[in-house]
Amino acid sequence: MTEECANRLKDNEEGSANIAFAVGSGIQEVAFHMKHVPGRAGSYEDAGQGYRMFIPAALPPDPPLELNGDTINLLSEADIALGRLDGVAEFTPNPNLFLAMYVRKEAVMSSQIEGTQATLLDVLRFEAERGEGEIQAEIGEVVSYVAAINYGLSRLAQLPLSLRLIKETHARLMQDSRGSARDPGEFRRIQNWIGSGADITKASFVPPPPNVMLRALYDLEEFMQSDLPMPVLVRVALVHYQFETIHPFLDGNGRLGRLLVTLVLCEKGALKKPMLYLSYYLKRYRSEYYERLMAVRDAGDFEGWIRFFLHAVIDTANHATSIARQIVGLNAVHRHRVTSGFARSPQAPALLEWLYDNPITSIRKAAEALSVSIPTATKLVRSFEDLGILVETTGGMRGKLYAYRDYLSILCDDDATFEASTAVDQALSTRLRGHV
């Protein structure tokens, strides 16, 4: 939290308060009113070792939430945006293939918030070349995130949203990642803190100690499973805040906390398809995201956090809907192009559909996927080049990779996923930015 923000909070211990948040190039003043500020979200306790730890109060907030007209309007807009997203997903070429690709995109964004430099192109290139080299640590984190999302969603069919499910999903998340040696799937037994240094006294935030943490986790589980009347999106916002505040694992809390948003939405029936992932928005407004969380802890501003969260839902759902619509349009154009060019080839439409889950491929991978010979796959891939659907990216005589450029240009619509760290990726990035 900015120093100015902290000073404003100290000057307003109860009643109404103003908080300054850095937004873009300026400071946005956000006023809020609540019945009782101190202790609403919990309290800080002196650990006696030069730092204070935060002891969270159980949910729901007390005094109760005060959702004004603006917040109610945001809730309505968010519900409409989610419904629109659910609807358009059904019209994508293959909803499951599109969903698999969108999960990869979320995995990249969420990992980038934590400092991982791997891009979507890195991950797709790795998948196209799998078995031909060792997995890089940062790519491994993204691949494990994808597996954790899929695992958590599949387990919802057998388990309620619970601490057991959270631990199991965390174990899958940490597999093949840099935190794989830090008790994956186990709640921490030592104190942790948030900050870039090794000195806890300089931490920006210290979560509750292990014994208090366990009690807070049981309270969170009870809240997640309760039938307390509350809008689903408000419940999700509170669950995400509380999980991040408890910080129950030694590593991976941020990624799992963002994944938890999707799990709650799907379990509560707010989404038919798990297509809402907030990392795109939270990465863009990372400073305000962290400041909003701190404003709840320091001043009990749950209402401000909920408004921020709803803005994230609206923006993200609209963005995902736009992507899905563009893909529907692209598929229609390319299906016509393919069927016109391959009137009697059953493999050509199958290759086009397969590319929506494998937009970077080699001839060998395409041959395996379609169960055809290398010469047949070579003819198909080169014909897709002639049609302007695929572009060869490596420029080499051996180990050539081909990219479904127009599809990737829709998915990689933010600069972060186009940043490349190797010469091959830079060449690919440059060619992907072109148009037929």
Protein backbone atom coordinates (compact mmCIF):
# COMPACT_ATOMS: atom_id res chain seq x y z
CA MET A 1 0.00 0.00 0.00
CA THR A 2 1.26 3.48 -0.78
CA GLU A 3 2.47 5.65 2.10
CA GLU A 4 -0.23 8.21 1.32
CA CYS A 5 -2.86 5.47 1.48
CA ALA A 6 -1.54 4.22 4.82
CA ASN A 7 -1.56 7.71 6.30
CA ARG A 8 -5.16 8.25 5.25
CA LEU A 9 -6.17 5.02 6.93
CA LYS A 10 -4.48 6.00 10.19
CA ASP A 11 -6.36 9.29 10.17
CA ASN A 12 -9.75 7.59 9.75
CA GLU A 13 -10.21 4.84 12.30
CA GLU A 14 -13.96 4.54 11.96
CA GLY A 15 -16.95 5.96 10.15
CA SER A 16 -15.95 7.05 6.66
CA ALA A 17 -12.50 7.11 5.12
CA ASN A 18 -10.74 7.98 1.88
CA ILE A 19 -8.11 5.77 0.30
CA ALA A 20 -5.80 6.79 -2.54
CA PHE A 21 -4.97 4.13 -5.11
CA ALA A 22 -2.45 4.43 -7.92
CA VAL A 23 -4.33 3.87 -11.17
CA GLY A 24 -2.52 4.40 -14.44
CA SER A 25 -0.55 7.63 -14.26
CA GLY A 26 -2.52 9.27 -11.47
CA ILE A 27 -4.11 8.75 -8.06
CA GLN A 28 -7.74 7.77 -7.80
CA GLU A 29 -9.58 8.79 -4.64
CA VAL A 30 -11.97 6.10 -3.44
CA ALA A 31 -14.35 6.98 -0.62
CA PHE A 32 -16.10 4.31 1.39
CA HIS A 33 -18.30 4.14 4.44
CA MET A 34 -18.62 1.35 6.93
CA LYS A 35 -20.15 0.87 10.36
CA HIS A 36 -16.96 -0.04 12.13
CA VAL A 37 -13.48 -0.01 10.60
CA PRO A 38 -11.06 -1.36 13.23
CA GLY A 39 -11.00 -5.15 13.45
CA ARG A 40 -13.64 -5.75 10.80
CA ALA A 41 -11.37 -8.06 8.78
CA GLY A 42 -9.13 -9.08 11.66
CA SER A 43 -6.33 -7.57 13.69
CA TYR A 44 -2.57 -7.27 13.78
CA GLU A 45 -0.73 -8.85 16.69
CA ASP A 46 2.84 -8.19 17.74
CA ALA A 47 4.92 -11.34 17.34
CA GLY A 48 7.52 -9.98 19.77
CA GLN A 49 10.29 -10.37 17.20
CA GLY A 50 10.14 -7.06 15.39
CA TYR A 51 7.10 -7.76 13.20
CA ARG A 52 3.32 -7.92 13.37
CA MET A 53 1.22 -10.79 12.04
CA PHE A 54 -2.35 -10.53 10.84
CA ILE A 55 -5.09 -12.59 12.53
CA PRO A 56 -8.07 -12.79 10.14
CA ALA A 57 -11.65 -12.67 11.37
CA ALA A 58 -14.06 -15.32 10.07
CA LEU A 59 -16.32 -14.60 7.11
CA PRO A 60 -18.82 -13.10 6.46
CA PRO A 61 -17.73 -9.61 7.53
CA ASP A 62 -19.08 -8.12 10.72
CA PRO A 63 -20.59 -5.50 10.53
CA PRO A 64 -22.34 -6.90 7.45
CA LEU A 65 -21.52 -5.76 3.93
CA GLU A 66 -23.10 -2.53 2.73
CA LEU A 67 -23.61 -2.89 -1.02
CA ASN A 68 -24.74 0.45 -2.43
CA GLY A 69 -26.46 1.17 -5.73
CA ASP A 70 -23.21 1.33 -7.70
CA THR A 71 -22.17 -2.09 -6.42
CA ILE A 72 -25.57 -3.57 -7.21
CA ASN A 73 -25.28 -2.22 -10.75
CA LEU A 74 -21.81 -3.76 -11.06
CA LEU A 75 -23.19 -7.09 -9.85
CA SER A 76 -25.89 -6.98 -12.49
CA GLU A 77 -23.39 -6.06 -15.21
CA ALA A 78 -21.06 -8.85 -14.10
CA ASP A 79 -23.88 -11.43 -14.17
CA ILE A 80 -24.81 -10.36 -17.71
CA ALA A 81 -21.16 -10.56 -18.82
CA LEU A 82 -20.84 -14.08 -17.39
CA GLY A 83 -24.03 -15.20 -19.11
CA ARG A 84 -22.85 -13.77 -22.42
CA LEU A 85 -19.52 -15.59 -22.03
CA ASP A 86 -21.21 -18.89 -21.24
CA GLY A 87 -23.41 -18.48 -24.31
CA VAL A 88 -20.73 -17.61 -26.84
CA ALA A 89 -18.53 -20.46 -25.64
CA GLU A 90 -21.09 -22.93 -26.97
CA PHE A 91 -20.63 -21.58 -30.50
CA THR A 92 -16.85 -21.86 -30.68
CA PRO A 93 -15.57 -24.47 -33.17
CA ASN A 94 -14.96 -26.99 -30.43
CA PRO A 95 -15.70 -25.64 -26.94
CA ASN A 96 -13.44 -28.16 -25.23
CA LEU A 97 -10.48 -27.42 -27.50
CA PHE A 98 -10.96 -23.68 -27.13
CA LEU A 99 -11.27 -24.07 -23.38
CA ALA A 100 -8.03 -26.05 -23.23
CA MET A 101 -6.22 -23.26 -25.05
CA TYR A 102 -7.75 -20.56 -22.86
CA VAL A 103 -6.64 -22.45 -19.76
CA ARG A 104 -3.09 -22.33 -21.10
CA LYS A 105 -3.41 -18.59 -21.57
CA GLU A 106 -4.59 -18.16 -17.98
CA ALA A 107 -1.76 -20.35 -16.71
CA VAL A 108 0.76 -18.10 -18.44
CA MET A 109 -0.80 -14.90 -17.10
CA SER A 110 -1.12 -16.16 -13.53
CA SER A 111 2.47 -17.39 -13.53
CA GLN A 112 3.68 -14.07 -14.95
CA ILE A 113 2.11 -12.25 -11.99
CA GLU A 114 4.48 -14.29 -9.81
CA GLY A 115 7.48 -13.34 -11.94
CA THR A 116 7.63 -16.25 -14.39
CA GLN A 117 8.85 -15.11 -17.81
CA ALA A 118 7.49 -17.99 -19.89
CA THR A 119 5.04 -16.94 -22.62
CA LEU A 120 2.17 -18.72 -24.30
CA LEU A 121 4.38 -19.24 -27.33
CA ASP A 122 7.03 -20.84 -25.10
CA VAL A 123 4.49 -23.33 -23.79
CA LEU A 124 3.04 -24.15 -27.20
CA ARG A 125 6.49 -24.61 -28.71
CA PHE A 126 7.42 -26.92 -25.84
CA GLU A 127 4.30 -29.00 -26.42
CA ALA A 128 5.08 -29.22 -30.14
CA GLU A 129 8.61 -30.41 -29.38
CA ARG A 130 7.85 -32.52 -26.30
CA GLY A 131 10.25 -35.40 -25.91
CA GLU A 132 13.00 -33.56 -27.77
CA GLY A 133 14.54 -31.75 -24.81
CA GLU A 134 14.35 -31.15 -21.08
CA ILE A 135 11.51 -29.04 -19.77
CA GLN A 136 12.55 -25.59 -18.59
CA ALA A 137 11.60 -24.71 -15.02
CA GLU A 138 9.43 -21.73 -15.93
CA ILE A 139 7.60 -23.62 -18.66
CA GLY A 140 7.16 -26.47 -16.16
CA GLU A 141 5.35 -24.08 -13.82
CA VAL A 142 2.87 -23.14 -16.52
CA VAL A 143 2.33 -26.75 -17.60
CA SER A 144 1.72 -27.72 -13.96
CA TYR A 145 -0.76 -24.85 -13.58
CA VAL A 146 -2.74 -26.17 -16.54
CA ALA A 147 -2.75 -29.63 -14.97
CA ALA A 148 -3.85 -28.17 -11.61
CA ILE A 149 -6.81 -26.34 -13.16
CA ASN A 150 -7.95 -29.48 -14.96
CA TYR A 151 -7.41 -31.60 -11.86
CA GLY A 152 -9.34 -29.25 -9.57
CA LEU A 153 -12.27 -29.03 -11.97
CA SER A 154 -12.41 -32.80 -12.41
CA ARG A 155 -12.32 -33.40 -8.65
CA LEU A 156 -15.34 -31.14 -8.14
CA ALA A 157 -17.38 -34.03 -9.51
CA GLN A 158 -16.33 -36.17 -6.52
CA LEU A 159 -15.57 -33.65 -3.76
CA PRO A 160 -17.17 -30.48 -2.47
CA LEU A 161 -15.04 -27.35 -2.46
CA SER A 162 -13.00 -28.17 0.63
CA LEU A 163 -9.58 -28.04 2.24
CA ARG A 164 -8.92 -31.55 0.93
CA LEU A 165 -9.59 -30.42 -2.63
CA ILE A 166 -7.42 -27.34 -2.13
CA LYS A 167 -4.50 -29.44 -0.85
CA GLU A 168 -4.79 -31.96 -3.67
CA THR A 169 -4.91 -29.21 -6.29
CA HIS A 170 -1.91 -27.49 -4.71
CA ALA A 171 0.09 -30.73 -4.90
CA ARG A 172 -0.62 -30.89 -8.63
CA LEU A 173 0.18 -27.19 -9.06
CA MET A 174 3.64 -27.53 -7.53
CA GLN A 175 4.64 -30.56 -9.59
CA ASP A 176 7.50 -29.72 -12.00
CA SER A 177 7.72 -26.19 -10.60
CA ARG A 178 10.43 -24.37 -8.68
CA GLY A 179 8.46 -24.82 -5.45
CA SER A 180 8.18 -28.61 -5.78
CA ALA A 181 10.42 -29.12 -2.72
CA ARG A 182 8.36 -26.81 -0.49
CA ASP A 183 5.77 -29.23 0.92
CA PRO A 184 3.40 -29.49 -2.05
CA GLY A 185 -0.13 -30.32 -0.95
CA GLU A 186 0.61 -29.62 2.72
CA PHE A 187 -0.36 -26.59 4.76
CA ARG A 188 2.65 -24.78 6.14
CA ARG A 189 3.99 -25.57 9.59
CA ILE A 190 6.17 -22.48 9.85
CA GLN A 191 5.62 -18.75 9.56
CA ASN A 192 5.80 -17.24 6.09
CA TRP A 193 5.56 -13.67 4.86
CA ILE A 194 5.04 -11.57 1.75
CA GLY A 195 8.00 -9.52 0.61
CA SER A 196 11.04 -9.73 -1.61
CA GLY A 197 13.65 -10.04 1.13
CA ALA A 198 14.74 -12.70 3.59
CA ASP A 199 14.07 -10.47 6.61
CA ILE A 200 10.56 -10.92 8.02
CA THR A 201 10.81 -7.59 9.87
CA LYS A 202 10.84 -5.89 6.45
CA ALA A 203 7.89 -7.86 5.10
CA SER A 204 4.98 -6.02 3.47
CA PHE A 205 2.54 -8.46 5.07
CA VAL A 206 2.82 -11.34 7.56
CA PRO A 207 -0.06 -13.89 7.51
CA PRO A 208 -1.27 -15.70 10.64
CA PRO A 209 1.02 -18.23 12.38
CA PRO A 210 0.39 -21.95 11.69
CA ASN A 211 -1.89 -22.63 14.67
CA VAL A 212 -4.13 -19.64 13.90
CA MET A 213 -3.90 -20.40 10.18
CA LEU A 214 -5.54 -23.81 10.64
CA ARG A 215 -8.48 -22.34 12.53
CA ALA A 216 -8.89 -19.70 9.83
CA LEU A 217 -8.83 -22.38 7.13
CA TYR A 218 -11.58 -24.38 8.83
CA ASP A 219 -13.63 -21.18 9.06
CA LEU A 220 -13.03 -20.56 5.35
CA GLU A 221 -14.12 -24.08 4.46
CA GLU A 222 -17.32 -23.61 6.47
CA PHE A 223 -18.00 -20.33 4.65
CA MET A 224 -17.38 -21.89 1.21
CA GLN A 225 -19.84 -24.68 1.95
CA SER A 226 -22.46 -22.58 3.72
CA ASP A 227 -25.88 -21.79 2.25
CA LEU A 228 -25.73 -18.21 3.50
CA PRO A 229 -27.81 -16.03 1.12
CA MET A 230 -25.24 -14.03 -0.84
CA PRO A 231 -24.59 -13.22 -4.51
CA VAL A 232 -22.16 -15.78 -5.91
CA LEU A 233 -19.69 -13.16 -7.13
CA VAL A 234 -19.60 -11.52 -3.70
CA ARG A 235 -18.93 -14.90 -2.12
CA VAL A 236 -16.13 -15.58 -4.63
CA ALA A 237 -14.54 -12.19 -3.94
CA LEU A 238 -14.56 -12.87 -0.20
CA VAL A 239 -13.15 -16.39 -0.62
CA HIS A 240 -10.27 -15.13 -2.77
CA TYR A 241 -9.44 -12.34 -0.33
CA GLN A 242 -9.52 -14.66 2.67
CA PHE A 243 -7.38 -17.33 1.04
CA GLU A 244 -4.73 -14.80 0.04
CA THR A 245 -4.75 -13.37 3.56
CA ILE A 246 -4.38 -16.77 5.23
CA HIS A 247 -1.59 -17.71 2.76
CA PRO A 248 -1.62 -21.36 3.88
CA PHE A 249 1.18 -22.77 1.71
CA LEU A 250 4.90 -22.09 1.56
CA ASP A 251 4.63 -21.39 -2.17
CA GLY A 252 1.98 -21.11 -4.88
CA ASN A 253 -0.62 -19.20 -2.83
CA GLY A 254 -1.22 -16.53 -5.47
CA ARG A 255 -1.70 -18.97 -8.33
CA LEU A 256 -3.96 -21.24 -6.29
CA GLY A 257 -5.96 -18.29 -4.98
CA ARG A 258 -6.71 -17.18 -8.53
CA LEU A 259 -7.54 -20.74 -9.55
CA LEU A 260 -9.93 -20.92 -6.59
CA VAL A 261 -12.07 -18.21 -8.21
CA THR A 262 -12.88 -20.50 -11.12
CA LEU A 263 -13.51 -23.50 -8.87
CA VAL A 264 -16.05 -21.59 -6.76
CA LEU A 265 -17.83 -20.16 -9.82
CA CYS A 266 -18.16 -23.61 -11.37
CA GLU A 267 -19.25 -25.32 -8.16
CA LYS A 268 -21.91 -22.68 -7.50
CA GLY A 269 -23.21 -22.97 -11.07
CA ALA A 270 -22.33 -19.40 -12.08
CA LEU A 271 -20.38 -20.79 -15.06
CA LYS A 272 -21.18 -23.86 -17.17
CA LYS A 273 -17.74 -23.79 -18.76
CA PRO A 274 -14.68 -22.77 -16.71
CA MET A 275 -13.82 -19.81 -18.91
CA LEU A 276 -13.39 -16.92 -16.47
CA TYR A 277 -9.78 -16.32 -15.46
CA LEU A 278 -8.91 -13.02 -13.82
CA SER A 279 -5.13 -13.03 -14.21
CA TYR A 280 -5.36 -10.99 -17.43
CA TYR A 281 -6.93 -8.13 -15.44
CA LEU A 282 -5.00 -8.60 -12.20
CA LYS A 283 -1.67 -8.53 -14.03
CA ARG A 284 -2.63 -5.27 -15.71
CA TYR A 285 -3.70 -3.66 -12.41
CA ARG A 286 -1.34 -5.51 -10.13
CA SER A 287 -0.54 -2.56 -7.85
CA GLU A 288 -4.17 -1.73 -7.21
CA TYR A 289 -4.95 -5.43 -6.73
CA TYR A 290 -2.46 -5.69 -3.86
CA GLU A 291 -3.52 -2.33 -2.41
CA ARG A 292 -7.19 -3.36 -2.40
CA LEU A 293 -6.34 -6.52 -0.47
CA MET A 294 -4.33 -4.49 2.04
CA ALA A 295 -7.16 -1.98 2.41
CA VAL A 296 -9.41 -4.80 3.63
CA ARG A 297 -6.84 -5.93 6.19
CA ASP A 298 -5.94 -2.44 7.36
CA ALA A 299 -9.33 -0.74 7.24
CA GLY A 300 -11.98 -3.40 6.66
CA ASP A 301 -12.81 -2.07 3.20
CA PHE A 302 -14.52 -5.20 1.90
CA GLU A 303 -16.84 -3.06 -0.21
CA GLY A 304 -13.96 -1.46 -2.12
CA TRP A 305 -12.39 -4.85 -2.76
CA ILE A 306 -15.69 -6.28 -4.01
CA ARG A 307 -16.13 -3.38 -6.45
CA PHE A 308 -12.61 -3.91 -7.77
CA PHE A 309 -13.28 -7.65 -8.10
CA LEU A 310 -16.53 -7.05 -10.02
CA HIS A 311 -14.74 -4.70 -12.42
CA ALA A 312 -12.21 -7.52 -12.97
CA VAL A 313 -15.01 -10.00 -13.69
CA ILE A 314 -16.74 -7.66 -16.16
CA ASP A 315 -13.55 -6.74 -18.00
CA THR A 316 -12.28 -10.33 -18.13
CA ALA A 317 -15.61 -11.84 -19.21
CA ASN A 318 -16.05 -9.25 -21.97
CA HIS A 319 -12.47 -9.84 -23.13
CA ALA A 320 -12.96 -13.62 -23.24
CA THR A 321 -16.26 -13.18 -25.10
CA SER A 322 -14.53 -11.01 -27.69
CA ILE A 323 -11.84 -13.65 -28.18
CA ALA A 324 -14.41 -16.42 -28.56
CA ARG A 325 -16.39 -14.42 -31.15
CA GLN A 326 -13.25 -13.70 -33.15
CA ILE A 327 -12.40 -17.40 -33.16
CA VAL A 328 -15.91 -18.31 -34.31
CA GLY A 329 -15.51 -15.89 -37.23
CA LEU A 330 -12.02 -17.13 -38.04
CA ASN A 331 -13.17 -20.74 -38.00
CA ALA A 332 -16.01 -20.03 -40.42
CA VAL A 333 -13.61 -18.40 -42.90
CA HIS A 334 -11.00 -21.13 -42.65
CA ARG A 335 -13.49 -24.00 -42.77
CA HIS A 336 -14.82 -22.58 -46.04
CA ARG A 337 -11.26 -22.17 -47.31
CA VAL A 338 -10.35 -25.74 -46.38
CA THR A 339 -13.50 -27.42 -47.72
CA SER A 340 -13.16 -25.50 -50.98
CA GLY A 341 -9.53 -26.53 -51.36
CA PHE A 342 -9.89 -30.14 -50.21
CA ALA A 343 -13.25 -31.28 -51.55
CA ARG A 344 -12.49 -34.98 -51.12
CA SER A 345 -10.02 -34.97 -48.23
CA PRO A 346 -11.45 -36.06 -44.85
CA GLN A 347 -8.14 -35.27 -43.14
CA ALA A 348 -8.15 -31.55 -43.96
CA PRO A 349 -11.13 -30.54 -41.75
CA ALA A 350 -9.73 -32.80 -39.02
CA LEU A 351 -6.37 -31.03 -39.21
CA LEU A 352 -8.03 -27.63 -38.95
CA GLU A 353 -9.96 -28.69 -35.84
CA TRP A 354 -6.84 -30.22 -34.29
CA LEU A 355 -4.95 -26.96 -34.77
CA TYR A 356 -7.27 -25.22 -32.30
CA ASP A 357 -5.63 -27.23 -29.55
CA ASN A 358 -2.19 -27.47 -31.20
CA PRO A 359 -1.59 -24.18 -33.03
CA ILE A 360 2.15 -24.82 -33.22
CA THR A 361 3.01 -28.18 -34.70
CA SER A 362 5.46 -30.23 -36.71
CA ILE A 363 4.63 -32.49 -39.63
CA ARG A 364 5.43 -35.50 -37.49
CA LYS A 365 3.00 -34.38 -34.73
CA ALA A 366 0.27 -33.76 -37.32
CA ALA A 367 0.83 -37.19 -38.85
CA GLU A 368 0.53 -38.85 -35.44
CA ALA A 369 -2.61 -36.88 -34.54
CA LEU A 370 -4.37 -37.71 -37.83
CA SER A 371 -3.02 -41.27 -38.07
CA VAL A 372 -1.66 -40.65 -41.56
CA SER A 373 1.72 -41.16 -43.17
CA ILE A 374 4.45 -38.53 -43.12
CA PRO A 375 4.07 -37.87 -46.89
CA THR A 376 0.31 -37.35 -46.47
CA ALA A 377 0.81 -35.03 -43.50
CA THR A 378 3.51 -33.14 -45.41
CA LYS A 379 1.12 -32.57 -48.32
CA LEU A 380 -1.64 -31.40 -45.96
CA VAL A 381 0.57 -29.02 -43.99
CA ARG A 382 2.09 -27.48 -47.12
CA SER A 383 -1.36 -27.06 -48.61
CA PHE A 384 -2.42 -25.24 -45.42
CA GLU A 385 0.60 -23.00 -45.99
CA ASP A 386 -0.59 -22.24 -49.51
CA LEU A 387 -4.03 -21.40 -48.13
CA GLY A 388 -2.49 -18.93 -45.68
CA ILE A 389 -3.60 -20.91 -42.61
CA LEU A 390 -0.20 -22.19 -41.46
CA VAL A 391 3.14 -20.39 -41.55
CA GLU A 392 6.52 -22.08 -41.21
CA THR A 393 8.35 -20.42 -38.32
CA THR A 394 11.79 -21.95 -37.92
CA GLY A 395 13.30 -21.52 -41.39
CA GLY A 396 15.36 -24.69 -40.94
CA MET A 397 15.72 -27.75 -43.13
CA ARG A 398 15.03 -30.09 -40.20
CA GLY A 399 12.70 -29.82 -37.20
CA LYS A 400 10.39 -27.33 -38.87
CA LEU A 401 7.52 -25.91 -36.83
CA TYR A 402 4.34 -24.50 -38.30
CA ALA A 403 2.05 -21.98 -36.59
CA TYR A 404 -1.66 -21.32 -36.98
CA ARG A 405 -0.85 -17.64 -37.14
CA ASP A 406 -4.27 -15.99 -37.27
CA TYR A 407 -5.55 -18.05 -34.36
CA LEU A 408 -2.49 -17.26 -32.26
CA SER A 409 -2.74 -13.57 -33.06
CA ILE A 410 -6.21 -13.61 -31.44
CA LEU A 411 -5.08 -15.54 -28.38
CA CYS A 412 -1.86 -13.56 -27.98
CA ASP A 413 -3.59 -10.19 -28.05
CA ASP A 414 -1.51 -8.76 -25.21
CA ASP A 415 2.13 -7.79 -25.54
CA ALA A 416 3.26 -10.01 -22.67
CA THR A 417 2.51 -13.23 -24.48
CA PHE A 418 4.38 -12.02 -27.56
CA GLU A 419 7.58 -11.24 -25.68
CA ALA A 420 10.19 -13.82 -26.62
CA SER A 421 13.44 -14.83 -25.01
CA THR A 422 15.04 -16.90 -27.76
CA ALA A 423 15.90 -16.26 -31.37
CA VAL A 424 13.35 -18.83 -32.50
CA ASP A 425 10.60 -17.18 -30.46
CA GLN A 426 11.55 -13.75 -31.75
CA ALA A 427 11.27 -14.98 -35.32
CA LEU A 428 7.97 -16.65 -34.54
CA SER A 429 6.67 -13.54 -32.80
CA THR A 430 7.57 -11.35 -35.78
CA ARG A 431 5.90 -13.64 -38.27
CA LEU A 432 2.81 -14.09 -36.12
CA ARG A 433 2.23 -10.34 -36.09
CA GLY A 434 1.90 -10.33 -39.91
CA HIS A 435 -1.36 -10.78 -41.77
CA VAL A 436 -2.31 -12.74 -44.85
